[in-house]
Amino acid sequence: MIQTILNNTDTLIGQESLEEKLQSGRPLKIKLGVDPTRPDLTFGHLVVFNKLRQFQELGHEANLIIGDFTTLIGDPSGRSSTRPVLTKEAIKENAKTYLDQAFKILDKSKTKVHYNSEWFGTMGFEDCLQLARKMTVARMLERDDFSKRFASNAPISIIEFLYPLIQGYDSLVLDADVEIGGTDQLFNMLVGRALQKDAGKSEQAVITMPLLVGLDGSKKMSKSADNYIAFTDAPKDMFGKIMSIDDATMWTYHQLLLETPEDSIEAMKQEHPMQVRKHLAKSLVSRFYSEAIAENELAQFEQVFSKNKIPDDMPTFTWAQLSENAGEDLITNIMHQTNLFESKGAIRRLMAQGGVKVNGEKITDPQKAINLSEDDQVIQAGKRIFFKLLKK
């Protein structure tokens, strides 16, 4: 069983005691915490959710902690500056969406959900002081991100020093046997072990998972780097994003997201990379939607990219939906009003790169006007976005 658990992991601390607990036959308490800092989970979260689901399938108790209290602080892991403060209302709204998304991967009937405000919300200031006594400043500065910020005279708030203690205290409350998280969570999870030991309890094993690389193939997947795939992405966007990754990233996604065995990956390396990438995209879209939807996205992709045809399922708009002008408006304004693009700046960048076409004609001038026509007009932006402007 331990070899199954070790699959795709980066670090395991406390292996000997974990093996003893596994041999006892009792279900172990497995802990995973997520802070609802944003409304959407990304495929970076999928790596740790896969591991938690694996523990469920092995008969263990999955404890998912929604860090509605810790989000008030903001996890300093990997940060070069203090995180912005979120309101309680925003945290509550984000937390609602997290559970809907998490249960696309986890077995809801076998998952215990906790909000750490349940115990921290009732703690007094004296309790906080007692918890703070458990850690020294010198120990906190052993963290790589804290030490770098301290050396560069970047501010570190006292409340950020408390974050690892608060995350560790969750493990103490739950009597966690195992905590899983990304490699950037190692310090925080070790604090949980220290607090359990100090309280005379059995120390949790700590399992870290690799951080998933983003669509750019270099940086950690994150929204701030705009290199992410979200659980809530539309099927077309999810499929298209996956098809945009390079070969090295493709194999990493097969390993960490689909949990494809190493021997199967080696066999697939004999196939054409495009076919492997299509299989990856179809499999992941199926997981979040359905086989039928994934098949449709594959067919649409092949129609557009392999046969140089326009997709059948593009959104359509009337002139009145996109413009208040009678019969002529800037192409930039028309495109922006569809809400298919992040900003006008993003549209202008696409134009500068030659990625915008109207009925196959390349448009590079953002001041170019488009007219209400007697014929439908198909507007293409980049490789994935198409929409139709209907004739009057």
Protein backbone atom coordinates (compact mmCIF):
# COMPACT_ATOMS: atom_id res chain seq x y z
CA MET A 1 0.00 0.00 0.00
CA ILE A 2 2.82 2.41 0.82
CA GLN A 3 4.15 2.19 -2.74
CA THR A 4 0.72 3.13 -4.09
CA ILE A 5 0.63 6.10 -1.74
CA LEU A 6 4.13 7.20 -2.78
CA ASN A 7 3.18 7.32 -6.46
CA ASN A 8 3.63 10.84 -7.92
CA THR A 9 4.71 12.27 -4.55
CA ASP A 10 7.71 14.52 -3.94
CA THR A 11 8.44 14.03 -0.22
CA LEU A 12 7.20 11.76 2.55
CA ILE A 13 8.15 12.59 6.13
CA GLY A 14 7.20 10.14 8.86
CA GLN A 15 7.15 7.05 6.66
CA GLU A 16 7.95 4.57 9.43
CA SER A 17 5.07 5.65 11.67
CA LEU A 18 2.77 5.87 8.64
CA GLU A 19 3.52 2.26 7.73
CA GLU A 20 2.72 1.20 11.29
CA LYS A 21 -0.60 3.03 11.18
CA LEU A 22 -1.44 1.49 7.82
CA GLN A 23 -0.76 -1.97 9.22
CA SER A 24 -3.13 -1.32 12.14
CA GLY A 25 -6.07 -1.61 9.76
CA ARG A 26 -7.95 1.44 11.05
CA PRO A 27 -8.99 4.19 8.62
CA LEU A 28 -6.51 7.06 8.84
CA LYS A 29 -7.49 10.73 8.97
CA ILE A 30 -6.11 12.40 5.87
CA LYS A 31 -6.06 16.20 5.88
CA LEU A 32 -6.01 18.63 2.96
CA GLY A 33 -6.57 22.33 3.43
CA VAL A 34 -7.50 24.88 0.76
CA ASP A 35 -7.88 28.62 1.25
CA PRO A 36 -10.74 30.13 -0.80
CA THR A 37 -8.73 33.13 -1.99
CA ARG A 38 -10.39 33.04 -5.43
CA PRO A 39 -13.64 31.58 -6.80
CA ASP A 40 -12.01 28.88 -8.94
CA LEU A 41 -9.85 25.85 -8.31
CA THR A 42 -7.16 25.20 -10.92
CA PHE A 43 -5.52 22.07 -12.26
CA GLY A 44 -2.73 22.77 -9.77
CA HIS A 45 -5.24 21.79 -7.07
CA LEU A 46 -6.15 18.68 -9.06
CA VAL A 47 -2.75 17.14 -8.23
CA VAL A 48 -3.44 17.11 -4.47
CA PHE A 49 -7.14 16.26 -4.92
CA ASN A 50 -6.08 13.17 -6.88
CA LYS A 51 -3.98 12.04 -3.91
CA LEU A 52 -6.80 12.67 -1.43
CA ARG A 53 -9.20 10.70 -3.63
CA GLN A 54 -6.65 7.87 -3.76
CA PHE A 55 -6.69 7.70 0.05
CA GLN A 56 -10.50 7.55 -0.09
CA GLU A 57 -10.35 4.63 -2.48
CA LEU A 58 -8.00 2.86 -0.06
CA GLY A 59 -10.62 3.17 2.68
CA HIS A 60 -9.30 6.16 4.61
CA GLU A 61 -11.12 9.25 5.91
CA ALA A 62 -10.71 12.36 3.78
CA ASN A 63 -10.86 15.63 5.73
CA LEU A 64 -11.13 18.70 3.54
CA ILE A 65 -10.52 21.92 5.42
CA ILE A 66 -11.88 25.10 3.90
CA GLY A 67 -9.58 27.75 5.34
CA ASP A 68 -12.12 30.52 5.73
CA PHE A 69 -10.19 31.77 8.79
CA THR A 70 -6.68 31.32 7.39
CA THR A 71 -7.72 33.19 4.25
CA LEU A 72 -8.17 36.28 6.43
CA ILE A 73 -4.38 36.13 6.88
CA GLY A 74 -3.29 34.88 3.47
CA ASP A 75 -0.81 32.04 2.99
CA PRO A 76 2.69 33.56 2.68
CA SER A 77 4.11 30.44 1.00
CA GLY A 78 6.09 31.39 -2.10
CA ARG A 79 5.18 35.04 -1.74
CA SER A 80 7.55 37.99 -2.05
CA SER A 81 4.99 40.36 -0.54
CA THR A 82 2.00 40.35 1.80
CA ARG A 83 -1.23 39.07 0.24
CA PRO A 84 -4.16 41.50 -0.10
CA VAL A 85 -6.86 41.13 2.56
CA LEU A 86 -10.19 39.62 1.50
CA THR A 87 -13.51 40.43 3.14
CA LYS A 88 -15.43 37.75 5.01
CA GLU A 89 -18.20 38.05 2.43
CA ALA A 90 -15.83 37.37 -0.48
CA ILE A 91 -14.31 34.41 1.36
CA LYS A 92 -17.75 32.96 2.03
CA GLU A 93 -18.76 33.22 -1.63
CA ASN A 94 -15.50 31.63 -2.78
CA ALA A 95 -15.89 28.79 -0.28
CA LYS A 96 -19.32 27.88 -1.72
CA THR A 97 -17.89 27.36 -5.19
CA TYR A 98 -14.88 25.39 -3.87
CA LEU A 99 -17.03 22.54 -2.60
CA ASP A 100 -18.99 22.19 -5.85
CA GLN A 101 -15.71 22.01 -7.72
CA ALA A 102 -13.93 19.71 -5.23
CA PHE A 103 -16.67 17.08 -5.49
CA LYS A 104 -15.99 16.74 -9.20
CA ILE A 105 -12.91 14.83 -8.03
CA LEU A 106 -13.61 13.65 -4.48
CA ASP A 107 -16.28 11.20 -3.32
CA LYS A 108 -18.71 13.51 -1.52
CA SER A 109 -20.16 10.70 0.60
CA LYS A 110 -16.67 9.88 1.93
CA THR A 111 -15.47 13.44 2.54
CA LYS A 112 -15.68 15.31 5.85
CA VAL A 113 -15.71 19.07 5.31
CA HIS A 114 -14.51 21.45 8.00
CA TYR A 115 -14.22 25.24 8.14
CA ASN A 116 -11.36 26.27 10.39
CA SER A 117 -13.35 29.24 11.63
CA GLU A 118 -15.24 26.58 13.64
CA TRP A 119 -12.40 26.48 16.18
CA PHE A 120 -10.50 29.71 15.55
CA GLY A 121 -13.66 31.81 15.71
CA THR A 122 -14.11 30.90 19.39
CA MET A 123 -10.49 31.42 20.47
CA GLY A 124 -9.63 34.37 22.68
CA PHE A 125 -6.52 36.53 22.56
CA GLU A 126 -4.94 34.58 25.42
CA ASP A 127 -5.37 31.38 23.38
CA CYS A 128 -3.61 33.07 20.46
CA LEU A 129 -0.72 34.11 22.70
CA GLN A 130 -0.35 30.57 23.97
CA LEU A 131 -0.22 29.29 20.40
CA ALA A 132 2.33 31.96 19.42
CA ARG A 133 4.65 30.75 22.20
CA LYS A 134 5.10 27.49 20.28
CA MET A 135 7.31 29.06 17.58
CA THR A 136 10.37 31.29 17.57
CA VAL A 137 11.22 34.05 15.10
CA ALA A 138 14.46 32.25 14.28
CA ARG A 139 12.52 29.12 13.31
CA MET A 140 10.15 31.15 11.14
CA LEU A 141 13.09 32.73 9.32
CA GLU A 142 14.21 29.25 8.30
CA ARG A 143 11.46 29.47 5.69
CA ASP A 144 13.04 30.32 2.36
CA ASP A 145 10.42 32.92 1.39
CA PHE A 146 10.58 34.65 4.78
CA SER A 147 14.39 34.67 4.83
CA LYS A 148 14.56 36.18 1.34
CA ARG A 149 12.08 38.90 2.23
CA PHE A 150 13.92 39.64 5.46
CA ALA A 151 17.29 39.83 3.67
CA SER A 152 15.88 42.23 1.06
CA ASN A 153 14.17 44.39 3.72
CA ALA A 154 10.76 43.50 2.26
CA PRO A 155 8.02 43.80 4.91
CA ILE A 156 6.78 40.69 6.73
CA SER A 157 3.76 41.23 8.92
CA ILE A 158 3.50 39.53 12.32
CA ILE A 159 0.24 37.98 11.20
CA GLU A 160 2.07 36.15 8.37
CA PHE A 161 4.31 34.55 11.00
CA LEU A 162 1.15 33.19 12.59
CA TYR A 163 -0.08 31.48 9.41
CA PRO A 164 2.02 28.27 9.73
CA LEU A 165 0.95 27.97 13.37
CA ILE A 166 -2.70 28.31 12.44
CA GLN A 167 -2.43 25.73 9.66
CA GLY A 168 -0.57 23.43 12.02
CA TYR A 169 -3.22 23.89 14.69
CA ASP A 170 -5.81 22.49 12.26
CA SER A 171 -3.88 19.20 12.35
CA LEU A 172 -3.90 19.27 16.15
CA VAL A 173 -7.69 19.78 16.28
CA LEU A 174 -8.36 17.01 13.76
CA ASP A 175 -5.78 14.54 15.13
CA ALA A 176 -4.65 14.18 11.52
CA ASP A 177 -2.64 11.09 10.65
CA VAL A 178 -1.52 12.43 7.26
CA GLU A 179 -1.45 15.89 5.72
CA ILE A 180 -1.00 16.37 2.01
CA GLY A 181 -0.14 19.52 0.08
CA GLY A 182 2.16 21.04 -2.51
CA THR A 183 5.90 21.24 -1.99
CA ASP A 184 5.49 24.90 -1.03
CA GLN A 185 3.46 23.77 2.01
CA LEU A 186 6.22 21.65 3.58
CA PHE A 187 7.16 24.12 6.33
CA ASN A 188 3.53 24.70 7.32
CA MET A 189 2.83 20.96 7.49
CA LEU A 190 5.93 20.32 9.60
CA VAL A 191 4.62 22.87 12.08
CA GLY A 192 1.56 20.64 12.42
CA ARG A 193 3.84 17.73 13.35
CA ALA A 194 5.63 19.89 15.91
CA LEU A 195 2.38 21.02 17.56
CA GLN A 196 1.10 17.44 17.73
CA LYS A 197 4.37 16.27 19.32
CA ASP A 198 4.30 19.11 21.83
CA ALA A 199 0.76 18.09 22.81
CA GLY A 200 1.88 14.47 23.32
CA LYS A 201 -0.02 13.22 20.25
CA SER A 202 1.06 11.03 17.38
CA GLU A 203 2.74 13.13 14.67
CA GLN A 204 1.09 13.28 11.27
CA ALA A 205 2.94 12.03 8.24
CA VAL A 206 3.59 14.78 5.70
CA ILE A 207 3.24 14.12 1.98
CA THR A 208 4.12 16.81 -0.55
CA MET A 209 3.04 16.73 -4.17
CA PRO A 210 4.89 18.38 -7.07
CA LEU A 211 3.76 21.85 -8.06
CA LEU A 212 2.12 21.71 -11.48
CA VAL A 213 3.76 23.78 -14.18
CA GLY A 214 1.46 26.18 -16.00
CA LEU A 215 0.56 26.52 -19.67
CA ASP A 216 3.78 28.45 -20.29
CA GLY A 217 5.76 25.33 -19.42
CA SER A 218 7.99 27.13 -16.91
CA LYS A 219 6.22 28.83 -13.99
CA LYS A 220 3.99 27.27 -11.35
CA MET A 221 0.37 27.23 -12.49
CA SER A 222 -1.38 30.23 -10.96
CA LYS A 223 -3.95 32.84 -11.79
CA SER A 224 -1.49 35.64 -11.13
CA ALA A 225 0.74 34.26 -13.90
CA ASP A 226 -2.30 33.78 -16.19
CA ASN A 227 -1.05 30.30 -17.09
CA TYR A 228 -3.82 28.24 -15.52
CA ILE A 229 -6.69 25.92 -16.37
CA ALA A 230 -9.66 26.23 -14.00
CA PHE A 231 -12.08 23.49 -12.97
CA THR A 232 -14.83 25.83 -14.17
CA ASP A 233 -13.37 26.61 -17.60
CA ALA A 234 -15.81 26.00 -20.45
CA PRO A 235 -15.14 22.71 -22.27
CA LYS A 236 -13.88 24.52 -25.38
CA ASP A 237 -11.47 26.67 -23.35
CA MET A 238 -10.24 23.69 -21.33
CA PHE A 239 -9.65 21.63 -24.46
CA GLY A 240 -7.93 24.49 -26.27
CA LYS A 241 -5.66 25.35 -23.36
CA ILE A 242 -4.51 21.76 -23.02
CA MET A 243 -3.79 21.59 -26.75
CA SER A 244 -1.56 24.66 -26.41
CA ILE A 245 1.01 23.10 -24.05
CA ASP A 246 4.45 21.91 -25.14
CA ASP A 247 5.53 18.26 -25.25
CA ALA A 248 7.40 18.25 -21.92
CA THR A 249 4.41 19.72 -20.10
CA MET A 250 2.12 17.23 -21.82
CA TRP A 251 3.91 14.29 -20.20
CA THR A 252 3.83 16.00 -16.80
CA TYR A 253 0.06 16.48 -17.13
CA HIS A 254 -0.39 12.84 -18.08
CA GLN A 255 1.54 11.80 -14.99
CA LEU A 256 0.10 14.19 -12.40
CA LEU A 257 -3.41 14.91 -13.68
CA LEU A 258 -4.43 11.62 -15.32
CA GLU A 259 -2.08 9.54 -13.14
CA THR A 260 -0.95 7.64 -16.23
CA PRO A 261 1.50 4.85 -15.28
CA GLU A 262 5.12 5.37 -16.27
CA ASP A 263 5.20 2.34 -18.58
CA SER A 264 2.12 3.64 -20.42
CA ILE A 265 3.76 7.04 -20.84
CA GLU A 266 6.85 5.39 -22.29
CA ALA A 267 4.65 3.50 -24.77
CA MET A 268 2.81 6.70 -25.76
CA LYS A 269 6.12 8.39 -26.52
CA GLN A 270 6.21 6.23 -29.64
CA GLU A 271 3.04 7.93 -30.91
CA HIS A 272 2.75 11.32 -32.61
CA PRO A 273 2.70 14.09 -29.95
CA MET A 274 -0.44 15.64 -31.48
CA GLN A 275 -2.41 12.42 -30.98
CA VAL A 276 -1.19 12.11 -27.39
CA ARG A 277 -2.12 15.73 -26.70
CA LYS A 278 -5.62 15.17 -28.11
CA HIS A 279 -6.03 12.13 -25.86
CA LEU A 280 -4.93 14.20 -22.86
CA ALA A 281 -7.35 17.03 -23.65
CA LYS A 282 -10.25 14.68 -24.31
CA SER A 283 -9.62 12.70 -21.10
CA LEU A 284 -9.47 15.80 -18.89
CA VAL A 285 -12.55 17.41 -20.43
CA SER A 286 -14.39 14.11 -19.95
CA ARG A 287 -13.46 14.11 -16.29
CA PHE A 288 -15.00 17.51 -15.66
CA TYR A 289 -17.90 17.26 -18.10
CA SER A 290 -18.76 14.11 -20.05
CA GLU A 291 -17.47 11.80 -22.73
CA ALA A 292 -19.97 13.21 -25.25
CA ILE A 293 -18.91 16.81 -24.61
CA ALA A 294 -15.24 15.85 -24.88
CA GLU A 295 -15.89 14.06 -28.18
CA ASN A 296 -17.60 17.17 -29.51
CA GLU A 297 -14.70 19.42 -28.52
CA LEU A 298 -12.28 17.03 -30.20
CA ALA A 299 -14.38 17.07 -33.38
CA GLN A 300 -14.58 20.87 -33.34
CA PHE A 301 -10.84 21.15 -32.75
CA GLU A 302 -10.04 18.84 -35.64
CA GLN A 303 -12.45 20.72 -37.90
CA VAL A 304 -10.78 24.05 -37.15
CA PHE A 305 -7.14 23.07 -36.90
CA SER A 306 -6.81 19.97 -39.05
CA LYS A 307 -9.26 20.85 -41.81
CA ASN A 308 -8.99 24.65 -41.59
CA LYS A 309 -12.76 25.01 -41.24
CA ILE A 310 -14.73 27.21 -38.89
CA PRO A 311 -16.43 25.56 -35.88
CA ASP A 312 -20.12 24.71 -35.97
CA ASP A 313 -20.84 25.77 -32.42
CA MET A 314 -19.48 29.32 -32.29
CA PRO A 315 -21.51 31.94 -30.39
CA THR A 316 -23.62 34.32 -32.46
CA PHE A 317 -24.46 37.98 -31.90
CA THR A 318 -26.65 40.60 -33.52
CA TRP A 319 -25.40 44.10 -34.24
CA ALA A 320 -27.77 45.51 -31.61
CA GLN A 321 -26.20 43.29 -28.94
CA LEU A 322 -22.71 44.60 -29.60
CA SER A 323 -23.09 48.24 -30.65
CA GLU A 324 -25.23 51.27 -29.96
CA ASN A 325 -24.16 52.83 -33.26
CA ALA A 326 -26.44 52.62 -36.27
CA GLY A 327 -24.32 50.76 -38.76
CA GLU A 328 -20.58 51.15 -38.14
CA ASP A 329 -18.27 50.70 -35.15
CA LEU A 330 -14.65 49.93 -34.37
CA ILE A 331 -13.76 46.25 -34.59
CA THR A 332 -12.14 46.57 -31.13
CA ASN A 333 -15.41 47.79 -29.62
CA ILE A 334 -17.43 45.05 -31.31
CA MET A 335 -15.09 42.32 -30.05
CA HIS A 336 -14.95 43.72 -26.53
CA GLN A 337 -18.73 43.80 -26.20
CA THR A 338 -18.93 40.03 -26.73
CA ASN A 339 -17.29 39.49 -23.28
CA LEU A 340 -15.14 36.79 -24.90
CA PHE A 341 -11.98 38.78 -24.20
CA GLU A 342 -10.28 39.90 -21.02
CA SER A 343 -9.85 43.51 -22.14
CA LYS A 344 -9.46 45.81 -25.11
CA GLY A 345 -5.74 45.67 -24.49
CA ALA A 346 -5.80 41.90 -25.02
CA ILE A 347 -7.70 42.42 -28.29
CA ARG A 348 -5.14 44.96 -29.50
CA ARG A 349 -2.32 42.56 -28.68
CA LEU A 350 -4.01 39.83 -30.70
CA MET A 351 -4.32 42.22 -33.63
CA ALA A 352 -0.66 43.20 -33.42
CA GLN A 353 0.24 39.51 -33.57
CA GLY A 354 -1.92 39.01 -36.66
CA GLY A 355 -4.42 36.87 -34.79
CA VAL A 356 -7.67 38.65 -35.71
CA LYS A 357 -9.55 37.91 -38.93
CA VAL A 358 -12.94 38.96 -40.28
CA ASN A 359 -14.24 36.48 -42.87
CA GLY A 360 -10.66 35.29 -43.32
CA GLU A 361 -9.20 38.79 -43.80
CA LYS A 362 -6.49 39.69 -41.29
CA ILE A 363 -7.14 42.86 -39.28
CA THR A 364 -4.17 44.54 -37.59
CA ASP A 365 -5.50 48.09 -37.10
CA PRO A 366 -7.52 48.48 -33.84
CA GLN A 367 -9.09 51.62 -35.36
CA LYS A 368 -10.48 49.62 -38.25
CA ALA A 369 -14.26 50.08 -38.56
CA ILE A 370 -16.63 47.20 -39.19
CA ASN A 371 -19.97 47.72 -40.95
CA LEU A 372 -23.38 46.21 -40.53
CA SER A 373 -23.49 43.82 -43.47
CA GLU A 374 -26.11 41.98 -45.44
CA ASP A 375 -24.05 38.81 -44.89
CA ASP A 376 -23.03 37.02 -41.71
CA GLN A 377 -19.49 37.87 -40.63
CA VAL A 378 -17.24 35.36 -38.88
CA ILE A 379 -14.65 36.91 -36.59
CA GLN A 380 -11.70 34.83 -35.45
CA ALA A 381 -9.36 35.82 -32.63
CA GLY A 382 -6.30 33.67 -32.02
CA LYS A 383 -6.63 29.93 -32.41
CA ARG A 384 -9.64 29.26 -30.22
CA ILE A 385 -12.12 32.12 -30.31
CA PHE A 386 -14.68 32.41 -33.12
CA PHE A 387 -17.98 34.25 -33.16
CA LYS A 388 -20.52 35.15 -35.79
CA LEU A 389 -22.00 38.60 -36.31
CA LEU A 390 -25.39 38.02 -37.88
CA LYS A 391 -26.56 39.92 -40.92
CA LYS A 392 -29.27 42.52 -40.37
